[in-house]
Every structure is written in structure tokens, then in C-alpha cells.
Amino acid sequence: LSRHFVAQLNKEQGLALREMTADADALLQT
């Protein structure tokens, strides 16, 4: 979902298309 929102916000608002680190994924999941 996080990657989907990054891509969506890039398309709709021109925000940066950035990847998530494994630590960021883990923190979001907890």
C-alpha cells in the first residue's frame, strides 16, 4: 500500500517517486 500511495501521489501531485527501506517498512507495519 505504501508503494502504491507513493506512485499515486507522484502521478497526481508530482511528489518525489521514492522507494521505501526495509526498516521503514518494518516500522510502518508495527
PDB file of all heavy atoms in Angstrom:
ATOM      1  N   LEU A   1       0.829  -1.206   0.000  1.00  0.00           N
ATOM      2  CA  LEU A   1       0.000   0.000   0.000  1.00  0.00           C
ATOM      3  C   LEU A   1       0.862   1.254   0.000  1.00  0.00           C
ATOM      4  O   LEU A   1       0.554   2.225  -0.702  1.00  0.00           O
ATOM      5  CB  LEU A   1      -0.913  -0.006   1.234  1.00  0.00           C
ATOM      6  CG  LEU A   1      -2.135  -0.927   1.190  1.00  0.00           C
ATOM      7  CD1 LEU A   1      -2.737  -1.088   2.582  1.00  0.00           C
ATOM      8  CD2 LEU A   1      -3.178  -0.393   0.218  1.00  0.00           C
ATOM      9  N   SER A   2       1.948   1.249   0.766  1.00  0.00           N
ATOM     10  CA  SER A   2       2.832   2.417   0.832  1.00  0.00           C
ATOM     11  C   SER A   2       3.399   2.750  -0.539  1.00  0.00           C
ATOM     12  O   SER A   2       3.417   3.911  -0.964  1.00  0.00           O
ATOM     13  CB  SER A   2       3.967   2.163   1.823  1.00  0.00           C
ATOM     14  OG  SER A   2       3.463   1.907   3.117  1.00  0.00           O
ATOM     15  N   ARG A   3       3.866   1.736  -1.249  1.00  0.00           N
ATOM     16  CA  ARG A   3       4.429   1.953  -2.588  1.00  0.00           C
ATOM     17  C   ARG A   3       3.357   2.426  -3.570  1.00  0.00           C
ATOM     18  O   ARG A   3       3.630   3.249  -4.457  1.00  0.00           O
ATOM     19  CB  ARG A   3       5.115   0.672  -3.075  1.00  0.00           C
ATOM     20  CG  ARG A   3       6.456   0.439  -2.394  1.00  0.00           C
ATOM     21  CD  ARG A   3       6.925  -1.011  -2.450  1.00  0.00           C
ATOM     22  NE  ARG A   3       8.242  -1.166  -1.827  1.00  0.00           N
ATOM     23  CZ  ARG A   3       8.455  -1.168  -0.512  1.00  0.00           C
ATOM     24  NH1 ARG A   3       7.432  -1.039   0.322  1.00  0.00           N
ATOM     25  NH2 ARG A   3       9.676  -1.299  -0.020  1.00  0.00           N
ATOM     26  N   HIS A   4       2.160   1.911  -3.407  1.00  0.00           N
ATOM     27  CA  HIS A   4       1.048   2.356  -4.252  1.00  0.00           C
ATOM     28  C   HIS A   4       0.768   3.839  -4.027  1.00  0.00           C
ATOM     29  O   HIS A   4       0.578   4.606  -4.993  1.00  0.00           O
ATOM     30  CB  HIS A   4      -0.196   1.520  -3.947  1.00  0.00           C
ATOM     31  CG  HIS A   4      -1.466   2.084  -4.532  1.00  0.00           C
ATOM     32  ND1 HIS A   4      -1.744   2.043  -5.878  1.00  0.00           N
ATOM     33  CD2 HIS A   4      -2.515   2.728  -3.944  1.00  0.00           C
ATOM     34  CE1 HIS A   4      -2.914   2.620  -6.105  1.00  0.00           C
ATOM     35  NE2 HIS A   4      -3.399   3.042  -4.951  1.00  0.00           N
ATOM     36  N   PHE A   5       0.762   4.277  -2.761  1.00  0.00           N
ATOM     37  CA  PHE A   5       0.484   5.681  -2.464  1.00  0.00           C
ATOM     38  C   PHE A   5       1.612   6.584  -2.949  1.00  0.00           C
ATOM     39  O   PHE A   5       1.353   7.704  -3.412  1.00  0.00           O
ATOM     40  CB  PHE A   5       0.250   5.864  -0.965  1.00  0.00           C
ATOM     41  CG  PHE A   5      -1.025   5.247  -0.463  1.00  0.00           C
ATOM     42  CD1 PHE A   5      -1.066   4.588   0.756  1.00  0.00           C
ATOM     43  CD2 PHE A   5      -2.187   5.325  -1.218  1.00  0.00           C
ATOM     44  CE1 PHE A   5      -2.242   4.010   1.211  1.00  0.00           C
ATOM     45  CE2 PHE A   5      -3.364   4.755  -0.774  1.00  0.00           C
ATOM     46  CZ  PHE A   5      -3.390   4.091   0.442  1.00  0.00           C
ATOM     47  N   VAL A   6       2.861   6.132  -2.857  1.00  0.00           N
ATOM     48  CA  VAL A   6       3.982   6.913  -3.387  1.00  0.00           C
ATOM     49  C   VAL A   6       3.792   7.137  -4.885  1.00  0.00           C
ATOM     50  O   VAL A   6       3.928   8.274  -5.389  1.00  0.00           O
ATOM     51  CB  VAL A   6       5.329   6.214  -3.107  1.00  0.00           C
ATOM     52  CG1 VAL A   6       6.451   6.893  -3.899  1.00  0.00           C
ATOM     53  CG2 VAL A   6       5.657   6.231  -1.616  1.00  0.00           C
ATOM     54  N   ALA A   7       3.474   6.070  -5.615  1.00  0.00           N
ATOM     55  CA  ALA A   7       3.271   6.185  -7.065  1.00  0.00           C
ATOM     56  C   ALA A   7       2.065   7.058  -7.388  1.00  0.00           C
ATOM     57  O   ALA A   7       2.098   7.866  -8.321  1.00  0.00           O
ATOM     58  CB  ALA A   7       3.098   4.785  -7.672  1.00  0.00           C
ATOM     59  N   GLN A   8       0.998   6.905  -6.617  1.00  0.00           N
ATOM     60  CA  GLN A   8      -0.222   7.690  -6.848  1.00  0.00           C
ATOM     61  C   GLN A   8       0.020   9.176  -6.604  1.00  0.00           C
ATOM     62  O   GLN A   8      -0.395  10.025  -7.403  1.00  0.00           O
ATOM     63  CB  GLN A   8      -1.336   7.176  -5.934  1.00  0.00           C
ATOM     64  CG  GLN A   8      -2.698   7.820  -6.170  1.00  0.00           C
ATOM     65  CD  GLN A   8      -3.731   7.284  -5.211  1.00  0.00           C
ATOM     66  OE1 GLN A   8      -3.698   7.560  -4.015  1.00  0.00           O
ATOM     67  NE2 GLN A   8      -4.668   6.495  -5.717  1.00  0.00           N
ATOM     68  N   LEU A   9       0.709   9.496  -5.506  1.00  0.00           N
ATOM     69  CA  LEU A   9       0.981  10.901  -5.188  1.00  0.00           C
ATOM     70  C   LEU A   9       1.972  11.520  -6.168  1.00  0.00           C
ATOM     71  O   LEU A   9       1.919  12.718  -6.447  1.00  0.00           O
ATOM     72  CB  LEU A   9       1.503  11.007  -3.756  1.00  0.00           C
ATOM     73  CG  LEU A   9       0.469  10.675  -2.672  1.00  0.00           C
ATOM     74  CD1 LEU A   9       1.139  10.432  -1.332  1.00  0.00           C
ATOM     75  CD2 LEU A   9      -0.561  11.798  -2.564  1.00  0.00           C
ATOM     76  N   ASN A  10       2.869  10.704  -6.705  1.00  0.00           N
ATOM     77  CA  ASN A  10       3.769  11.176  -7.753  1.00  0.00           C
ATOM     78  C   ASN A  10       2.991  11.546  -9.008  1.00  0.00           C
ATOM     79  O   ASN A  10       3.227  12.592  -9.633  1.00  0.00           O
ATOM     80  CB  ASN A  10       4.808  10.102  -8.059  1.00  0.00           C
ATOM     81  CG  ASN A  10       5.635  10.421  -9.301  1.00  0.00           C
ATOM     82  OD1 ASN A  10       5.363   9.898 -10.381  1.00  0.00           O
ATOM     83  ND2 ASN A  10       6.628  11.292  -9.160  1.00  0.00           N
ATOM     84  N   LYS A  11       2.030  10.718  -9.369  1.00  0.00           N
ATOM     85  CA  LYS A  11       1.235  10.952 -10.576  1.00  0.00           C
ATOM     86  C   LYS A  11       0.282  12.133 -10.399  1.00  0.00           C
ATOM     87  O   LYS A  11       0.137  12.972 -11.297  1.00  0.00           O
ATOM     88  CB  LYS A  11       0.438   9.687 -10.923  1.00  0.00           C
ATOM     89  CG  LYS A  11      -0.445   9.816 -12.143  1.00  0.00           C
ATOM     90  CD  LYS A  11      -1.203   8.527 -12.413  1.00  0.00           C
ATOM     91  CE  LYS A  11      -2.120   8.672 -13.625  1.00  0.00           C
ATOM     92  NZ  LYS A  11      -2.910   7.427 -13.863  1.00  0.00           N
ATOM     93  N   GLU A  12      -0.367  12.227  -9.232  1.00  0.00           N
ATOM     94  CA  GLU A  12      -1.401  13.238  -9.024  1.00  0.00           C
ATOM     95  C   GLU A  12      -0.842  14.584  -8.606  1.00  0.00           C
ATOM     96  O   GLU A  12      -1.388  15.629  -8.966  1.00  0.00           O
ATOM     97  CB  GLU A  12      -2.393  12.750  -7.961  1.00  0.00           C
ATOM     98  CG  GLU A  12      -3.203  11.532  -8.396  1.00  0.00           C
ATOM     99  CD  GLU A  12      -4.105  11.016  -7.279  1.00  0.00           C
ATOM    100  OE1 GLU A  12      -4.036  11.560  -6.155  1.00  0.00           O
ATOM    101  OE2 GLU A  12      -4.881  10.077  -7.538  1.00  0.00           O
ATOM    102  N   GLN A  13       0.241  14.586  -7.805  1.00  0.00           N
ATOM    103  CA  GLN A  13       0.749  15.843  -7.266  1.00  0.00           C
ATOM    104  C   GLN A  13       2.190  16.151  -7.667  1.00  0.00           C
ATOM    105  O   GLN A  13       2.709  17.210  -7.315  1.00  0.00           O
ATOM    106  CB  GLN A  13       0.659  15.826  -5.730  1.00  0.00           C
ATOM    107  CG  GLN A  13      -0.744  15.649  -5.180  1.00  0.00           C
ATOM    108  CD  GLN A  13      -0.771  15.742  -3.662  1.00  0.00           C
ATOM    109  OE1 GLN A  13       0.023  16.449  -3.044  1.00  0.00           O
ATOM    110  NE2 GLN A  13      -1.693  15.028  -3.043  1.00  0.00           N
ATOM    111  N   GLY A  14       2.822  15.221  -8.368  1.00  0.00           N
ATOM    112  CA  GLY A  14       4.199  15.443  -8.766  1.00  0.00           C
ATOM    113  C   GLY A  14       5.191  15.298  -7.626  1.00  0.00           C
ATOM    114  O   GLY A  14       6.327  15.786  -7.732  1.00  0.00           O
ATOM    115  N   LEU A  15       4.799  14.624  -6.528  1.00  0.00           N
ATOM    116  CA  LEU A  15       5.724  14.419  -5.418  1.00  0.00           C
ATOM    117  C   LEU A  15       6.786  13.393  -5.801  1.00  0.00           C
ATOM    118  O   LEU A  15       6.601  12.609  -6.738  1.00  0.00           O
ATOM    119  CB  LEU A  15       4.954  13.955  -4.176  1.00  0.00           C
ATOM    120  CG  LEU A  15       3.921  14.958  -3.626  1.00  0.00           C
ATOM    121  CD1 LEU A  15       3.197  14.383  -2.416  1.00  0.00           C
ATOM    122  CD2 LEU A  15       4.603  16.277  -3.262  1.00  0.00           C
ATOM    123  N   ALA A  16       7.883  13.389  -5.069  1.00  0.00           N
ATOM    124  CA  ALA A  16       9.027  12.551  -5.425  1.00  0.00           C
ATOM    125  C   ALA A  16       8.665  11.066  -5.428  1.00  0.00           C
ATOM    126  O   ALA A  16       7.935  10.591  -4.555  1.00  0.00           O
ATOM    127  CB  ALA A  16      10.168  12.791  -4.433  1.00  0.00           C
ATOM    128  N   LEU A  17       9.191  10.352  -6.422  1.00  0.00           N
ATOM    129  CA  LEU A  17       8.960   8.909  -6.539  1.00  0.00           C
ATOM    130  C   LEU A  17      10.101   8.203  -5.811  1.00  0.00           C
ATOM    131  O   LEU A  17      11.143   7.906  -6.396  1.00  0.00           O
ATOM    132  CB  LEU A  17       8.914   8.507  -8.017  1.00  0.00           C
ATOM    133  CG  LEU A  17       8.438   7.090  -8.329  1.00  0.00           C
ATOM    134  CD1 LEU A  17       6.999   6.886  -7.880  1.00  0.00           C
ATOM    135  CD2 LEU A  17       8.540   6.824  -9.839  1.00  0.00           C
ATOM    136  N   ARG A  18       9.896   7.957  -4.513  1.00  0.00           N
ATOM    137  CA  ARG A  18      10.952   7.398  -3.665  1.00  0.00           C
ATOM    138  C   ARG A  18      10.615   5.971  -3.246  1.00  0.00           C
ATOM    139  O   ARG A  18       9.448   5.621  -3.083  1.00  0.00           O
ATOM    140  CB  ARG A  18      11.148   8.272  -2.427  1.00  0.00           C
ATOM    141  CG  ARG A  18      11.510   9.720  -2.753  1.00  0.00           C
ATOM    142  CD  ARG A  18      11.533  10.574  -1.495  1.00  0.00           C
ATOM    143  NE  ARG A  18      12.569  10.126  -0.562  1.00  0.00           N
ATOM    144  CZ  ARG A  18      12.605  10.491   0.723  1.00  0.00           C
ATOM    145  NH1 ARG A  18      11.670  11.286   1.217  1.00  0.00           N
ATOM    146  NH2 ARG A  18      13.576  10.056   1.500  1.00  0.00           N
ATOM    147  N   GLU A  19      11.640   5.175  -3.041  1.00  0.00           N
ATOM    148  CA  GLU A  19      11.471   3.788  -2.596  1.00  0.00           C
ATOM    149  C   GLU A  19      11.503   3.755  -1.071  1.00  0.00           C
ATOM    150  O   GLU A  19      11.984   4.676  -0.413  1.00  0.00           O
ATOM    151  CB  GLU A  19      12.586   2.935  -3.206  1.00  0.00           C
ATOM    152  CG  GLU A  19      12.421   1.428  -3.169  1.00  0.00           C
ATOM    153  CD  GLU A  19      11.025   0.925  -3.385  1.00  0.00           C
ATOM    154  OE1 GLU A  19      10.588   0.789  -4.533  1.00  0.00           O
ATOM    155  OE2 GLU A  19      10.396   0.658  -2.355  1.00  0.00           O
ATOM    156  N   MET A  20      10.961   2.672  -0.490  1.00  0.00           N
ATOM    157  CA  MET A  20      10.948   2.500   0.971  1.00  0.00           C
ATOM    158  C   MET A  20      12.092   1.571   1.377  1.00  0.00           C
ATOM    159  O   MET A  20      12.343   0.559   0.713  1.00  0.00           O
ATOM    160  CB  MET A  20       9.621   1.880   1.420  1.00  0.00           C
ATOM    161  CG  MET A  20       8.368   2.554   0.908  1.00  0.00           C
ATOM    162  SD  MET A  20       7.964   4.091   1.761  1.00  0.00           S
ATOM    163  CE  MET A  20       7.647   3.503   3.403  1.00  0.00           C
ATOM    164  N   THR A  21      12.775   1.892   2.480  1.00  0.00           N
ATOM    165  CA  THR A  21      13.774   0.964   3.008  1.00  0.00           C
ATOM    166  C   THR A  21      13.078  -0.149   3.786  1.00  0.00           C
ATOM    167  O   THR A  21      11.906  -0.021   4.183  1.00  0.00           O
ATOM    168  CB  THR A  21      14.753   1.683   3.952  1.00  0.00           C
ATOM    169  OG1 THR A  21      14.023   2.171   5.087  1.00  0.00           O
ATOM    170  CG2 THR A  21      15.453   2.833   3.250  1.00  0.00           C
ATOM    171  N   ALA A  22      13.800  -1.237   4.022  1.00  0.00           N
ATOM    172  CA  ALA A  22      13.231  -2.347   4.796  1.00  0.00           C
ATOM    173  C   ALA A  22      12.892  -1.905   6.209  1.00  0.00           C
ATOM    174  O   ALA A  22      11.870  -2.332   6.779  1.00  0.00           O
ATOM    175  CB  ALA A  22      14.221  -3.513   4.821  1.00  0.00           C
ATOM    176  N   ASP A  23      13.713  -1.034   6.805  1.00  0.00           N
ATOM    177  CA  ASP A  23      13.446  -0.541   8.157  1.00  0.00           C
ATOM    178  C   ASP A  23      12.172   0.307   8.185  1.00  0.00           C
ATOM    179  O   ASP A  23      11.391   0.257   9.143  1.00  0.00           O
ATOM    180  CB  ASP A  23      14.620   0.279   8.672  1.00  0.00           C
ATOM    181  CG  ASP A  23      15.814  -0.599   9.050  1.00  0.00           C
ATOM    182  OD1 ASP A  23      15.622  -1.829   9.148  1.00  0.00           O
ATOM    183  OD2 ASP A  23      16.914  -0.055   9.231  1.00  0.00           O
ATOM    184  N   ALA A  24      11.959   1.098   7.137  1.00  0.00           N
ATOM    185  CA  ALA A  24      10.742   1.913   7.061  1.00  0.00           C
ATOM    186  C   ALA A  24       9.513   1.014   6.954  1.00  0.00           C
ATOM    187  O   ALA A  24       8.491   1.252   7.608  1.00  0.00           O
ATOM    188  CB  ALA A  24      10.823   2.868   5.873  1.00  0.00           C
ATOM    189  N   ASP A  25       9.605  -0.035   6.121  1.00  0.00           N
ATOM    190  CA  ASP A  25       8.502  -0.999   6.021  1.00  0.00           C
ATOM    191  C   ASP A  25       8.193  -1.621   7.375  1.00  0.00           C
ATOM    192  O   ASP A  25       7.033  -1.732   7.784  1.00  0.00           O
ATOM    193  CB  ASP A  25       8.853  -2.111   5.021  1.00  0.00           C
ATOM    194  CG  ASP A  25       8.719  -1.670   3.578  1.00  0.00           C
ATOM    195  OD1 ASP A  25       7.958  -0.708   3.326  1.00  0.00           O
ATOM    196  OD2 ASP A  25       9.365  -2.285   2.712  1.00  0.00           O
ATOM    197  N   ALA A  26       9.255  -2.039   8.061  1.00  0.00           N
ATOM    198  CA  ALA A  26       9.072  -2.706   9.356  1.00  0.00           C
ATOM    199  C   ALA A  26       8.414  -1.766  10.359  1.00  0.00           C
ATOM    200  O   ALA A  26       7.506  -2.181  11.106  1.00  0.00           O
ATOM    201  CB  ALA A  26      10.414  -3.191   9.886  1.00  0.00           C
ATOM    202  N   LEU A  27       8.848  -0.504  10.391  1.00  0.00           N
ATOM    203  CA  LEU A  27       8.258   0.441  11.332  1.00  0.00           C
ATOM    204  C   LEU A  27       6.791   0.696  11.014  1.00  0.00           C
ATOM    205  O   LEU A  27       5.941   0.723  11.913  1.00  0.00           O
ATOM    206  CB  LEU A  27       9.038   1.755  11.320  1.00  0.00           C
ATOM    207  CG  LEU A  27       8.531   2.848  12.274  1.00  0.00           C
ATOM    208  CD1 LEU A  27       8.515   2.331  13.711  1.00  0.00           C
ATOM    209  CD2 LEU A  27       9.371   4.111  12.161  1.00  0.00           C
ATOM    210  N   LEU A  28       6.472   0.873   9.729  1.00  0.00           N
ATOM    211  CA  LEU A  28       5.075   1.095   9.347  1.00  0.00           C
ATOM    212  C   LEU A  28       4.209  -0.092   9.745  1.00  0.00           C
ATOM    213  O   LEU A  28       3.054   0.078  10.165  1.00  0.00           O
ATOM    214  CB  LEU A  28       4.973   1.334   7.837  1.00  0.00           C
ATOM    215  CG  LEU A  28       5.478   2.689   7.319  1.00  0.00           C
ATOM    216  CD1 LEU A  28       5.462   2.705   5.803  1.00  0.00           C
ATOM    217  CD2 LEU A  28       4.635   3.835   7.866  1.00  0.00           C
ATOM    218  N   GLN A  29       4.750  -1.299   9.596  1.00  0.00           N
ATOM    219  CA  GLN A  29       3.969  -2.497   9.927  1.00  0.00           C
ATOM    220  C   GLN A  29       3.749  -2.656  11.427  1.00  0.00           C
ATOM    221  O   GLN A  29       2.840  -3.375  11.837  1.00  0.00           O
ATOM    222  CB  GLN A  29       4.662  -3.742   9.375  1.00  0.00           C
ATOM    223  CG  GLN A  29       4.523  -3.894   7.860  1.00  0.00           C
ATOM    224  CD  GLN A  29       5.166  -5.169   7.368  1.00  0.00           C
ATOM    225  OE1 GLN A  29       6.377  -5.327   7.432  1.00  0.00           O
ATOM    226  NE2 GLN A  29       4.347  -6.089   6.879  1.00  0.00           N
ATOM    227  N   THR A  30       4.564  -2.023  12.244  1.00  0.00           N
ATOM    228  CA  THR A  30       4.421  -2.188  13.695  1.00  0.00           C
ATOM    229  C   THR A  30       3.715  -1.014  14.354  1.00  0.00           C
ATOM    230  O   THR A  30       3.390  -1.072  15.541  1.00  0.00           O
ATOM    231  CB  THR A  30       5.799  -2.357  14.363  1.00  0.00           C
ATOM    232  OG1 THR A  30       6.623  -1.229  14.053  1.00  0.00           O
ATOM    233  CG2 THR A  30       6.484  -3.621  13.867  1.00  0.00           C
TER     234      THR A  30
END
